[in-house]
Amino acid sequence: MKISKKLSILLLKFYQKYLTIFSYGSCRYIPTCSQYAMIQFEYNNIFRAFYNSTLRILRCNQLFEGGFDYPIIKYSPNKGNFKKIRVKYWLIPISNGKYKVIKNWN
């Protein structure tokens, strides 16, 4: 992972841990805007992640209804990797090469 992605994810983790106490419960969407941005930075390139995260933050206001808004990513699975893994996200296919991301809450 590139240094800019790592730095962005580190800043998001800092925001989630220390700064959300000032705006707790103000996000109108599930997953929250910071979790949405975290998923975008983990799976997309940095420009697409910034673009999608910025659009999401602009939609998080009283003019929009809110609700469930899972991120959509492009993903090509790694074939032949059969080791035991811990599931962090579920990828739900929606079209050719595009998936909705749903967080595993366990």
PDB file of N, CA and C in Angstrom:
ATOM      1  N   MET A   1       0.855  -1.174   0.000  1.00  0.00           N
ATOM      2  CA  MET A   1       0.000   0.000   0.000  1.00  0.00           C
ATOM      3  C   MET A   1       0.899   1.235   0.000  1.00  0.00           C
ATOM      4  N   LYS A   2       0.508   2.209  -0.785  1.00  0.00           N
ATOM      5  CA  LYS A   2       1.319   3.418  -0.907  1.00  0.00           C
ATOM      6  C   LYS A   2       1.244   4.248   0.366  1.00  0.00           C
ATOM      7  N   ILE A   3       2.248   5.105   0.532  1.00  0.00           N
ATOM      8  CA  ILE A   3       2.351   5.932   1.733  1.00  0.00           C
ATOM      9  C   ILE A   3       1.169   6.896   1.842  1.00  0.00           C
ATOM     10  N   SER A   4       0.665   7.410   0.719  1.00  0.00           N
ATOM     11  CA  SER A   4      -0.456   8.349   0.782  1.00  0.00           C
ATOM     12  C   SER A   4      -1.737   7.644   1.246  1.00  0.00           C
ATOM     13  N   LYS A   5      -1.936   6.387   0.828  1.00  0.00           N
ATOM     14  CA  LYS A   5      -3.095   5.630   1.298  1.00  0.00           C
ATOM     15  C   LYS A   5      -2.961   5.329   2.782  1.00  0.00           C
ATOM     16  N   LYS A   6      -1.757   4.931   3.198  1.00  0.00           N
ATOM     17  CA  LYS A   6      -1.531   4.640   4.614  1.00  0.00           C
ATOM     18  C   LYS A   6      -1.760   5.874   5.471  1.00  0.00           C
ATOM     19  N   LEU A   7      -1.289   7.015   4.996  1.00  0.00           N
ATOM     20  CA  LEU A   7      -1.464   8.258   5.740  1.00  0.00           C
ATOM     21  C   LEU A   7      -2.942   8.639   5.828  1.00  0.00           C
ATOM     22  N   SER A   8      -3.667   8.468   4.727  1.00  0.00           N
ATOM     23  CA  SER A   8      -5.099   8.782   4.735  1.00  0.00           C
ATOM     24  C   SER A   8      -5.863   7.885   5.697  1.00  0.00           C
ATOM     25  N   ILE A   9      -5.547   6.596   5.694  1.00  0.00           N
ATOM     26  CA  ILE A   9      -6.212   5.663   6.601  1.00  0.00           C
ATOM     27  C   ILE A   9      -5.844   5.975   8.045  1.00  0.00           C
ATOM     28  N   LEU A  10      -4.583   6.342   8.289  1.00  0.00           N
ATOM     29  CA  LEU A  10      -4.155   6.711   9.640  1.00  0.00           C
ATOM     30  C   LEU A  10      -4.896   7.960  10.123  1.00  0.00           C
ATOM     31  N   LEU A  11      -5.078   8.955   9.258  1.00  0.00           N
ATOM     32  CA  LEU A  11      -5.824  10.160   9.633  1.00  0.00           C
ATOM     33  C   LEU A  11      -7.292   9.845   9.909  1.00  0.00           C
ATOM     34  N   LEU A  12      -7.865   8.944   9.121  1.00  0.00           N
ATOM     35  CA  LEU A  12      -9.255   8.542   9.369  1.00  0.00           C
ATOM     36  C   LEU A  12      -9.401   7.809  10.696  1.00  0.00           C
ATOM     37  N   LYS A  13      -8.440   6.951  11.022  1.00  0.00           N
ATOM     38  CA  LYS A  13      -8.488   6.247  12.314  1.00  0.00           C
ATOM     39  C   LYS A  13      -8.356   7.230  13.468  1.00  0.00           C
ATOM     40  N   PHE A  14      -7.481   8.244  13.310  1.00  0.00           N
ATOM     41  CA  PHE A  14      -7.337   9.279  14.330  1.00  0.00           C
ATOM     42  C   PHE A  14      -8.659  10.032  14.499  1.00  0.00           C
ATOM     43  N   TYR A  15      -9.285  10.394  13.384  1.00  0.00           N
ATOM     44  CA  TYR A  15     -10.572  11.096  13.434  1.00  0.00           C
ATOM     45  C   TYR A  15     -11.629  10.243  14.137  1.00  0.00           C
ATOM     46  N   GLN A  16     -11.703   8.952  13.785  1.00  0.00           N
ATOM     47  CA  GLN A  16     -12.707   8.077  14.389  1.00  0.00           C
ATOM     48  C   GLN A  16     -12.494   7.913  15.888  1.00  0.00           C
ATOM     49  N   LYS A  17     -11.242   7.888  16.305  1.00  0.00           N
ATOM     50  CA  LYS A  17     -10.966   7.640  17.722  1.00  0.00           C
ATOM     51  C   LYS A  17     -11.077   8.899  18.582  1.00  0.00           C
ATOM     52  N   TYR A  18     -10.596  10.032  18.078  1.00  0.00           N
ATOM     53  CA  TYR A  18     -10.483  11.214  18.935  1.00  0.00           C
ATOM     54  C   TYR A  18     -11.421  12.374  18.583  1.00  0.00           C
ATOM     55  N   LEU A  19     -11.841  12.504  17.352  1.00  0.00           N
ATOM     56  CA  LEU A  19     -12.606  13.691  16.967  1.00  0.00           C
ATOM     57  C   LEU A  19     -14.098  13.445  16.809  1.00  0.00           C
ATOM     58  N   THR A  20     -14.545  12.206  16.744  1.00  0.00           N
ATOM     59  CA  THR A  20     -15.977  11.951  16.564  1.00  0.00           C
ATOM     60  C   THR A  20     -16.779  12.243  17.822  1.00  0.00           C
ATOM     61  N   ILE A  21     -16.120  12.449  18.943  1.00  0.00           N
ATOM     62  CA  ILE A  21     -16.871  12.781  20.155  1.00  0.00           C
ATOM     63  C   ILE A  21     -17.562  14.137  20.028  1.00  0.00           C
ATOM     64  N   PHE A  22     -17.048  15.001  19.127  1.00  0.00           N
ATOM     65  CA  PHE A  22     -17.657  16.314  18.924  1.00  0.00           C
ATOM     66  C   PHE A  22     -18.868  16.252  18.004  1.00  0.00           C
ATOM     67  N   SER A  23     -18.947  15.202  17.170  1.00  0.00           N
ATOM     68  CA  SER A  23     -20.057  15.112  16.217  1.00  0.00           C
ATOM     69  C   SER A  23     -20.729  13.746  16.277  1.00  0.00           C
ATOM     70  N   TYR A  24     -20.788  13.140  17.432  1.00  0.00           N
ATOM     71  CA  TYR A  24     -21.334  11.794  17.564  1.00  0.00           C
ATOM     72  C   TYR A  24     -22.808  11.758  17.159  1.00  0.00           C
ATOM     73  N   GLY A  25     -23.146  10.817  16.299  1.00  0.00           N
ATOM     74  CA  GLY A  25     -24.530  10.638  15.887  1.00  0.00           C
ATOM     75  C   GLY A  25     -25.011  11.600  14.819  1.00  0.00           C
ATOM     76  N   SER A  26     -24.114  12.352  14.199  1.00  0.00           N
ATOM     77  CA  SER A  26     -24.560  13.334  13.220  1.00  0.00           C
ATOM     78  C   SER A  26     -24.571  12.786  11.792  1.00  0.00           C
ATOM     79  N   CYS A  27     -24.007  11.605  11.557  1.00  0.00           N
ATOM     80  CA  CYS A  27     -23.990  11.047  10.205  1.00  0.00           C
ATOM     81  C   CYS A  27     -25.355  10.432   9.897  1.00  0.00           C
ATOM     82  N   ARG A  28     -25.865  10.712   8.699  1.00  0.00           N
ATOM     83  CA  ARG A  28     -27.191  10.273   8.298  1.00  0.00           C
ATOM     84  C   ARG A  28     -27.171   8.926   7.589  1.00  0.00           C
ATOM     85  N   TYR A  29     -25.999   8.359   7.390  1.00  0.00           N
ATOM     86  CA  TYR A  29     -25.870   7.146   6.603  1.00  0.00           C
ATOM     87  C   TYR A  29     -25.286   5.994   7.416  1.00  0.00           C
ATOM     88  N   ILE A  30     -25.531   4.793   6.925  1.00  0.00           N
ATOM     89  CA  ILE A  30     -24.889   3.580   7.438  1.00  0.00           C
ATOM     90  C   ILE A  30     -24.184   2.954   6.262  1.00  0.00           C
ATOM     91  N   PRO A  31     -22.912   2.689   6.309  1.00  0.00           N
ATOM     92  CA  PRO A  31     -21.920   2.984   7.340  1.00  0.00           C
ATOM     93  C   PRO A  31     -21.641   4.488   7.410  1.00  0.00           C
ATOM     94  N   THR A  32     -21.031   4.902   8.489  1.00  0.00           N
ATOM     95  CA  THR A  32     -20.764   6.328   8.666  1.00  0.00           C
ATOM     96  C   THR A  32     -19.839   6.832   7.570  1.00  0.00           C
ATOM     97  N   CYS A  33     -19.761   8.137   7.429  1.00  0.00           N
ATOM     98  CA  CYS A  33     -18.939   8.733   6.376  1.00  0.00           C
ATOM     99  C   CYS A  33     -17.460   8.377   6.545  1.00  0.00           C
ATOM    100  N   SER A  34     -16.985   8.329   7.773  1.00  0.00           N
ATOM    101  CA  SER A  34     -15.579   7.983   7.977  1.00  0.00           C
ATOM    102  C   SER A  34     -15.315   6.512   7.656  1.00  0.00           C
ATOM    103  N   GLN A  35     -16.256   5.628   7.987  1.00  0.00           N
ATOM    104  CA  GLN A  35     -16.083   4.214   7.642  1.00  0.00           C
ATOM    105  C   GLN A  35     -16.184   4.022   6.132  1.00  0.00           C
ATOM    106  N   TYR A  36     -17.060   4.757   5.491  1.00  0.00           N
ATOM    107  CA  TYR A  36     -17.184   4.735   4.029  1.00  0.00           C
ATOM    108  C   TYR A  36     -15.863   5.141   3.384  1.00  0.00           C
ATOM    109  N   ALA A  37     -15.277   6.223   3.877  1.00  0.00           N
ATOM    110  CA  ALA A  37     -13.997   6.694   3.346  1.00  0.00           C
ATOM    111  C   ALA A  37     -12.895   5.673   3.594  1.00  0.00           C
ATOM    112  N   MET A  38     -12.912   5.021   4.751  1.00  0.00           N
ATOM    113  CA  MET A  38     -11.907   4.003   5.071  1.00  0.00           C
ATOM    114  C   MET A  38     -11.967   2.859   4.052  1.00  0.00           C
ATOM    115  N   ILE A  39     -13.171   2.405   3.739  1.00  0.00           N
ATOM    116  CA  ILE A  39     -13.329   1.327   2.764  1.00  0.00           C
ATOM    117  C   ILE A  39     -12.867   1.790   1.387  1.00  0.00           C
ATOM    118  N   GLN A  40     -13.203   3.015   1.010  1.00  0.00           N
ATOM    119  CA  GLN A  40     -12.778   3.545  -0.285  1.00  0.00           C
ATOM    120  C   GLN A  40     -11.254   3.572  -0.394  1.00  0.00           C
ATOM    121  N   PHE A  41     -10.578   4.022   0.664  1.00  0.00           N
ATOM    122  CA  PHE A  41      -9.122   4.096   0.618  1.00  0.00           C
ATOM    123  C   PHE A  41      -8.474   2.716   0.643  1.00  0.00           C
ATOM    124  N   GLU A  42      -9.123   1.734   1.231  1.00  0.00           N
ATOM    125  CA  GLU A  42      -8.557   0.387   1.246  1.00  0.00           C
ATOM    126  C   GLU A  42      -8.643  -0.282  -0.117  1.00  0.00           C
ATOM    127  N   TYR A  43      -9.700  -0.021  -0.889  1.00  0.00           N
ATOM    128  CA  TYR A  43      -9.928  -0.766  -2.119  1.00  0.00           C
ATOM    129  C   TYR A  43      -9.720   0.026  -3.406  1.00  0.00           C
ATOM    130  N   ASN A  44      -9.811   1.327  -3.396  1.00  0.00           N
ATOM    131  CA  ASN A  44      -9.676   2.124  -4.612  1.00  0.00           C
ATOM    132  C   ASN A  44      -8.373   2.900  -4.609  1.00  0.00           C
ATOM    133  N   ASN A  45      -8.039   3.478  -5.776  1.00  0.00           N
ATOM    134  CA  ASN A  45      -6.867   4.345  -5.796  1.00  0.00           C
ATOM    135  C   ASN A  45      -7.206   5.637  -5.055  1.00  0.00           C
ATOM    136  N   ILE A  46      -6.200   6.403  -4.751  1.00  0.00           N
ATOM    137  CA  ILE A  46      -6.386   7.539  -3.835  1.00  0.00           C
ATOM    138  C   ILE A  46      -7.280   8.628  -4.447  1.00  0.00           C
ATOM    139  N   PHE A  47      -7.227   8.827  -5.761  1.00  0.00           N
ATOM    140  CA  PHE A  47      -8.041   9.863  -6.391  1.00  0.00           C
ATOM    141  C   PHE A  47      -9.520   9.474  -6.387  1.00  0.00           C
ATOM    142  N   ARG A  48      -9.803   8.233  -6.731  1.00  0.00           N
ATOM    143  CA  ARG A  48     -11.190   7.761  -6.716  1.00  0.00           C
ATOM    144  C   ARG A  48     -11.734   7.755  -5.283  1.00  0.00           C
ATOM    145  N   ALA A  49     -10.884   7.388  -4.325  1.00  0.00           N
ATOM    146  CA  ALA A  49     -11.306   7.368  -2.923  1.00  0.00           C
ATOM    147  C   ALA A  49     -11.643   8.774  -2.432  1.00  0.00           C
ATOM    148  N   PHE A  50     -10.796   9.755  -2.752  1.00  0.00           N
ATOM    149  CA  PHE A  50     -11.083  11.145  -2.368  1.00  0.00           C
ATOM    150  C   PHE A  50     -12.364  11.640  -3.027  1.00  0.00           C
ATOM    151  N   TYR A  51     -12.537  11.342  -4.307  1.00  0.00           N
ATOM    152  CA  TYR A  51     -13.717  11.784  -5.038  1.00  0.00           C
ATOM    153  C   TYR A  51     -14.993  11.199  -4.425  1.00  0.00           C
ATOM    154  N   ASN A  52     -15.023   9.880  -4.241  1.00  0.00           N
ATOM    155  CA  ASN A  52     -16.218   9.232  -3.691  1.00  0.00           C
ATOM    156  C   ASN A  52     -16.482   9.657  -2.247  1.00  0.00           C
ATOM    157  N   SER A  53     -15.439   9.812  -1.458  1.00  0.00           N
ATOM    158  CA  SER A  53     -15.609  10.228  -0.060  1.00  0.00           C
ATOM    159  C   SER A  53     -16.113  11.660   0.029  1.00  0.00           C
ATOM    160  N   THR A  54     -15.614  12.524  -0.849  1.00  0.00           N
ATOM    161  CA  THR A  54     -16.073  13.918  -0.852  1.00  0.00           C
ATOM    162  C   THR A  54     -17.542  14.007  -1.248  1.00  0.00           C
ATOM    163  N   LEU A  55     -17.937  13.245  -2.265  1.00  0.00           N
ATOM    164  CA  LEU A  55     -19.359  13.240  -2.649  1.00  0.00           C
ATOM    165  C   LEU A  55     -20.232  12.736  -1.513  1.00  0.00           C
ATOM    166  N   ARG A  56     -19.772  11.728  -0.805  1.00  0.00           N
ATOM    167  CA  ARG A  56     -20.541  11.178   0.313  1.00  0.00           C
ATOM    168  C   ARG A  56     -20.689  12.212   1.428  1.00  0.00           C
ATOM    169  N   ILE A  57     -19.615  12.913   1.755  1.00  0.00           N
ATOM    170  CA  ILE A  57     -19.668  13.924   2.816  1.00  0.00           C
ATOM    171  C   ILE A  57     -20.594  15.077   2.413  1.00  0.00           C
ATOM    172  N   LEU A  58     -20.589  15.443   1.135  1.00  0.00           N
ATOM    173  CA  LEU A  58     -21.486  16.501   0.663  1.00  0.00           C
ATOM    174  C   LEU A  58     -22.950  16.072   0.721  1.00  0.00           C
ATOM    175  N   ARG A  59     -23.233  14.769   0.585  1.00  0.00           N
ATOM    176  CA  ARG A  59     -24.610  14.264   0.682  1.00  0.00           C
ATOM    177  C   ARG A  59     -25.072  14.097   2.125  1.00  0.00           C
ATOM    178  N   CYS A  60     -24.174  14.162   3.074  1.00  0.00           N
ATOM    179  CA  CYS A  60     -24.523  13.929   4.480  1.00  0.00           C
ATOM    180  C   CYS A  60     -25.004  15.236   5.116  1.00  0.00           C
ATOM    181  N   ASN A  61     -26.227  15.640   4.782  1.00  0.00           N
ATOM    182  CA  ASN A  61     -26.814  16.848   5.350  1.00  0.00           C
ATOM    183  C   ASN A  61     -28.327  16.694   5.381  1.00  0.00           C
ATOM    184  N   GLN A  62     -29.023  17.728   5.784  1.00  0.00           N
ATOM    185  CA  GLN A  62     -30.467  17.659   5.970  1.00  0.00           C
ATOM    186  C   GLN A  62     -31.240  17.627   4.647  1.00  0.00           C
ATOM    187  N   LEU A  63     -30.614  17.930   3.533  1.00  0.00           N
ATOM    188  CA  LEU A  63     -31.310  17.927   2.256  1.00  0.00           C
ATOM    189  C   LEU A  63     -31.488  16.525   1.680  1.00  0.00           C
ATOM    190  N   PHE A  64     -30.729  15.563   2.194  1.00  0.00           N
ATOM    191  CA  PHE A  64     -30.807  14.184   1.722  1.00  0.00           C
ATOM    192  C   PHE A  64     -31.381  13.308   2.824  1.00  0.00           C
ATOM    193  N   GLU A  65     -32.078  12.266   2.429  1.00  0.00           N
ATOM    194  CA  GLU A  65     -32.784  11.416   3.386  1.00  0.00           C
ATOM    195  C   GLU A  65     -31.845  10.591   4.257  1.00  0.00           C
ATOM    196  N   GLY A  66     -30.732  10.134   3.710  1.00  0.00           N
ATOM    197  CA  GLY A  66     -29.827   9.261   4.455  1.00  0.00           C
ATOM    198  C   GLY A  66     -30.223   7.814   4.279  1.00  0.00           C
ATOM    199  N   GLY A  67     -29.770   6.960   5.175  1.00  0.00           N
ATOM    200  CA  GLY A  67     -30.104   5.542   5.113  1.00  0.00           C
ATOM    201  C   GLY A  67     -28.877   4.707   4.821  1.00  0.00           C
ATOM    202  N   PHE A  68     -29.079   3.591   4.131  1.00  0.00           N
ATOM    203  CA  PHE A  68     -27.985   2.688   3.802  1.00  0.00           C
ATOM    204  C   PHE A  68     -27.340   3.127   2.496  1.00  0.00           C
ATOM    205  N   ASP A  69     -26.039   3.320   2.520  1.00  0.00           N
ATOM    206  CA  ASP A  69     -25.282   3.707   1.332  1.00  0.00           C
ATOM    207  C   ASP A  69     -23.928   3.019   1.394  1.00  0.00           C
ATOM    208  N   TYR A  70     -23.881   1.788   0.893  1.00  0.00           N
ATOM    209  CA  TYR A  70     -22.632   1.032   0.928  1.00  0.00           C
ATOM    210  C   TYR A  70     -21.753   1.426  -0.239  1.00  0.00           C
ATOM    211  N   PRO A  71     -20.439   1.452  -0.038  1.00  0.00           N
ATOM    212  CA  PRO A  71     -19.540   1.829  -1.127  1.00  0.00           C
ATOM    213  C   PRO A  71     -19.523   0.779  -2.227  1.00  0.00           C
ATOM    214  N   ILE A  72     -19.315   1.236  -3.445  1.00  0.00           N
ATOM    215  CA  ILE A  72     -19.175   0.352  -4.597  1.00  0.00           C
ATOM    216  C   ILE A  72     -17.729   0.445  -5.059  1.00  0.00           C
ATOM    217  N   ILE A  73     -17.086  -0.712  -5.205  1.00  0.00           N
ATOM    218  CA  ILE A  73     -15.674  -0.753  -5.581  1.00  0.00           C
ATOM    219  C   ILE A  73     -15.505  -1.639  -6.795  1.00  0.00           C
ATOM    220  N   LYS A  74     -14.377  -1.490  -7.479  1.00  0.00           N
ATOM    221  CA  LYS A  74     -13.979  -2.417  -8.526  1.00  0.00           C
ATOM    222  C   LYS A  74     -12.998  -3.394  -7.883  1.00  0.00           C
ATOM    223  N   TYR A  75     -13.204  -4.671  -8.135  1.00  0.00           N
ATOM    224  CA  TYR A  75     -12.381  -5.678  -7.474  1.00  0.00           C
ATOM    225  C   TYR A  75     -12.265  -6.893  -8.372  1.00  0.00           C
ATOM    226  N   SER A  76     -11.070  -7.398  -8.524  1.00  0.00           N
ATOM    227  CA  SER A  76     -10.885  -8.658  -9.235  1.00  0.00           C
ATOM    228  C   SER A  76     -10.286  -9.647  -8.232  1.00  0.00           C
ATOM    229  N   PRO A  77     -11.004 -10.717  -7.915  1.00  0.00           N
ATOM    230  CA  PRO A  77     -10.550 -11.640  -6.877  1.00  0.00           C
ATOM    231  C   PRO A  77      -9.265 -12.357  -7.260  1.00  0.00           C
ATOM    232  N   ASN A  78      -8.449 -12.641  -6.257  1.00  0.00           N
ATOM    233  CA  ASN A  78      -7.206 -13.369  -6.433  1.00  0.00           C
ATOM    234  C   ASN A  78      -7.529 -14.860  -6.452  1.00  0.00           C
ATOM    235  N   LYS A  79      -7.406 -15.483  -7.602  1.00  0.00           N
ATOM    236  CA  LYS A  79      -7.748 -16.903  -7.724  1.00  0.00           C
ATOM    237  C   LYS A  79      -6.587 -17.759  -7.219  1.00  0.00           C
ATOM    238  N   GLY A  80      -6.919 -18.828  -6.532  1.00  0.00           N
ATOM    239  CA  GLY A  80      -5.900 -19.751  -6.053  1.00  0.00           C
ATOM    240  C   GLY A  80      -5.397 -19.462  -4.655  1.00  0.00           C
ATOM    241  N   ASN A  81      -5.928 -18.486  -3.975  1.00  0.00           N
ATOM    242  CA  ASN A  81      -5.505 -18.152  -2.619  1.00  0.00           C
ATOM    243  C   ASN A  81      -6.493 -18.795  -1.651  1.00  0.00           C
ATOM    244  N   PHE A  82      -6.116 -19.942  -1.082  1.00  0.00           N
ATOM    245  CA  PHE A  82      -7.045 -20.705  -0.267  1.00  0.00           C
ATOM    246  C   PHE A  82      -6.634 -20.786   1.196  1.00  0.00           C
ATOM    247  N   LYS A  83      -5.871 -19.827   1.694  1.00  0.00           N
ATOM    248  CA  LYS A  83      -5.501 -19.858   3.104  1.00  0.00           C
ATOM    249  C   LYS A  83      -6.662 -19.368   3.970  1.00  0.00           C
ATOM    250  N   LYS A  84      -6.633 -19.705   5.239  1.00  0.00           N
ATOM    251  CA  LYS A  84      -7.678 -19.293   6.169  1.00  0.00           C
ATOM    252  C   LYS A  84      -7.554 -17.793   6.429  1.00  0.00           C
ATOM    253  N   ILE A  85      -8.676 -17.098   6.304  1.00  0.00           N
ATOM    254  CA  ILE A  85      -8.668 -15.651   6.468  1.00  0.00           C
ATOM    255  C   ILE A  85      -9.766 -15.232   7.440  1.00  0.00           C
ATOM    256  N   ARG A  86      -9.629 -14.031   7.968  1.00  0.00           N
ATOM    257  CA  ARG A  86     -10.668 -13.412   8.790  1.00  0.00           C
ATOM    258  C   ARG A  86     -11.435 -12.463   7.882  1.00  0.00           C
ATOM    259  N   VAL A  87     -12.733 -12.628   7.815  1.00  0.00           N
ATOM    260  CA  VAL A  87     -13.555 -11.824   6.914  1.00  0.00           C
ATOM    261  C   VAL A  87     -13.793 -10.453   7.541  1.00  0.00           C
ATOM    262  N   LYS A  88     -13.336  -9.413   6.849  1.00  0.00           N
ATOM    263  CA  LYS A  88     -13.525  -8.041   7.319  1.00  0.00           C
ATOM    264  C   LYS A  88     -14.721  -7.405   6.615  1.00  0.00           C
ATOM    265  N   TYR A  89     -14.862  -7.655   5.311  1.00  0.00           N
ATOM    266  CA  TYR A  89     -15.948  -7.111   4.511  1.00  0.00           C
ATOM    267  C   TYR A  89     -16.538  -8.223   3.646  1.00  0.00           C
ATOM    268  N   TRP A  90     -17.830  -8.118   3.369  1.00  0.00           N
ATOM    269  CA  TRP A  90     -18.488  -8.987   2.399  1.00  0.00           C
ATOM    270  C   TRP A  90     -18.633  -8.207   1.111  1.00  0.00           C
ATOM    271  N   LEU A  91     -18.274  -8.812  -0.012  1.00  0.00           N
ATOM    272  CA  LEU A  91     -18.383  -8.172  -1.309  1.00  0.00           C
ATOM    273  C   LEU A  91     -19.579  -8.767  -2.042  1.00  0.00           C
ATOM    274  N   ILE A  92     -20.563  -7.943  -2.340  1.00  0.00           N
ATOM    275  CA  ILE A  92     -21.787  -8.366  -3.008  1.00  0.00           C
ATOM    276  C   ILE A  92     -21.715  -7.914  -4.467  1.00  0.00           C
ATOM    277  N   PRO A  93     -21.673  -8.844  -5.439  1.00  0.00           N
ATOM    278  CA  PRO A  93     -21.558  -8.428  -6.837  1.00  0.00           C
ATOM    279  C   PRO A  93     -22.814  -7.713  -7.326  1.00  0.00           C
ATOM    280  N   ILE A  94     -22.605  -6.598  -8.051  1.00  0.00           N
ATOM    281  CA  ILE A  94     -23.740  -5.862  -8.610  1.00  0.00           C
ATOM    282  C   ILE A  94     -23.676  -5.800 -10.125  1.00  0.00           C
ATOM    283  N   SER A  95     -22.481  -5.809 -10.707  1.00  0.00           N
ATOM    284  CA  SER A  95     -22.331  -5.854 -12.153  1.00  0.00           C
ATOM    285  C   SER A  95     -20.939  -6.388 -12.459  1.00  0.00           C
ATOM    286  N   ASN A  96     -20.553  -6.347 -13.701  1.00  0.00           N
ATOM    287  CA  ASN A  96     -19.293  -6.918 -14.138  1.00  0.00           C
ATOM    288  C   ASN A  96     -18.098  -6.237 -13.455  1.00  0.00           C
ATOM    289  N   GLY A  97     -17.511  -6.895 -12.479  1.00  0.00           N
ATOM    290  CA  GLY A  97     -16.333  -6.365 -11.796  1.00  0.00           C
ATOM    291  C   GLY A  97     -16.615  -5.327 -10.733  1.00  0.00           C
ATOM    292  N   LYS A  98     -17.870  -5.004 -10.441  1.00  0.00           N
ATOM    293  CA  LYS A  98     -18.202  -4.021  -9.407  1.00  0.00           C
ATOM    294  C   LYS A  98     -18.930  -4.718  -8.274  1.00  0.00           C
ATOM    295  N   TYR A  99     -18.603  -4.315  -7.053  1.00  0.00           N
ATOM    296  CA  TYR A  99     -19.136  -4.958  -5.863  1.00  0.00           C
ATOM    297  C   TYR A  99     -19.578  -3.907  -4.852  1.00  0.00           C
ATOM    298  N   LYS A 100     -20.624  -4.214  -4.091  1.00  0.00           N
ATOM    299  CA  LYS A 100     -20.983  -3.426  -2.908  1.00  0.00           C
ATOM    300  C   LYS A 100     -20.206  -4.012  -1.737  1.00  0.00           C
ATOM    301  N   VAL A 101     -19.772  -3.161  -0.832  1.00  0.00           N
ATOM    302  CA  VAL A 101     -18.987  -3.596   0.319  1.00  0.00           C
ATOM    303  C   VAL A 101     -19.847  -3.473   1.569  1.00  0.00           C
ATOM    304  N   ILE A 102     -19.980  -4.572   2.308  1.00  0.00           N
ATOM    305  CA  ILE A 102     -20.721  -4.588   3.555  1.00  0.00           C
ATOM    306  C   ILE A 102     -19.796  -5.086   4.658  1.00  0.00           C
ATOM    307  N   LYS A 103     -19.693  -4.350   5.732  1.00  0.00           N
ATOM    308  CA  LYS A 103     -18.790  -4.685   6.818  1.00  0.00           C
ATOM    309  C   LYS A 103     -19.311  -5.881   7.619  1.00  0.00           C
ATOM    310  N   ASN A 104     -18.414  -6.791   7.979  1.00  0.00           N
ATOM    311  CA  ASN A 104     -18.741  -7.903   8.838  1.00  0.00           C
ATOM    312  C   ASN A 104     -18.645  -7.416  10.286  1.00  0.00           C
ATOM    313  N   TRP A 105     -19.710  -7.524  11.052  1.00  0.00           N
ATOM    314  CA  TRP A 105     -19.765  -6.946  12.392  1.00  0.00           C
ATOM    315  C   TRP A 105     -19.315  -7.891  13.502  1.00  0.00           C
ATOM    316  N   ASN A 106     -18.743  -9.024  13.173  1.00  0.00           N
ATOM    317  CA  ASN A 106     -18.250  -9.960  14.220  1.00  0.00           C
ATOM    318  C   ASN A 106     -16.907  -9.548  14.724  1.00  0.00           C
TER     319      ASN A 106
END
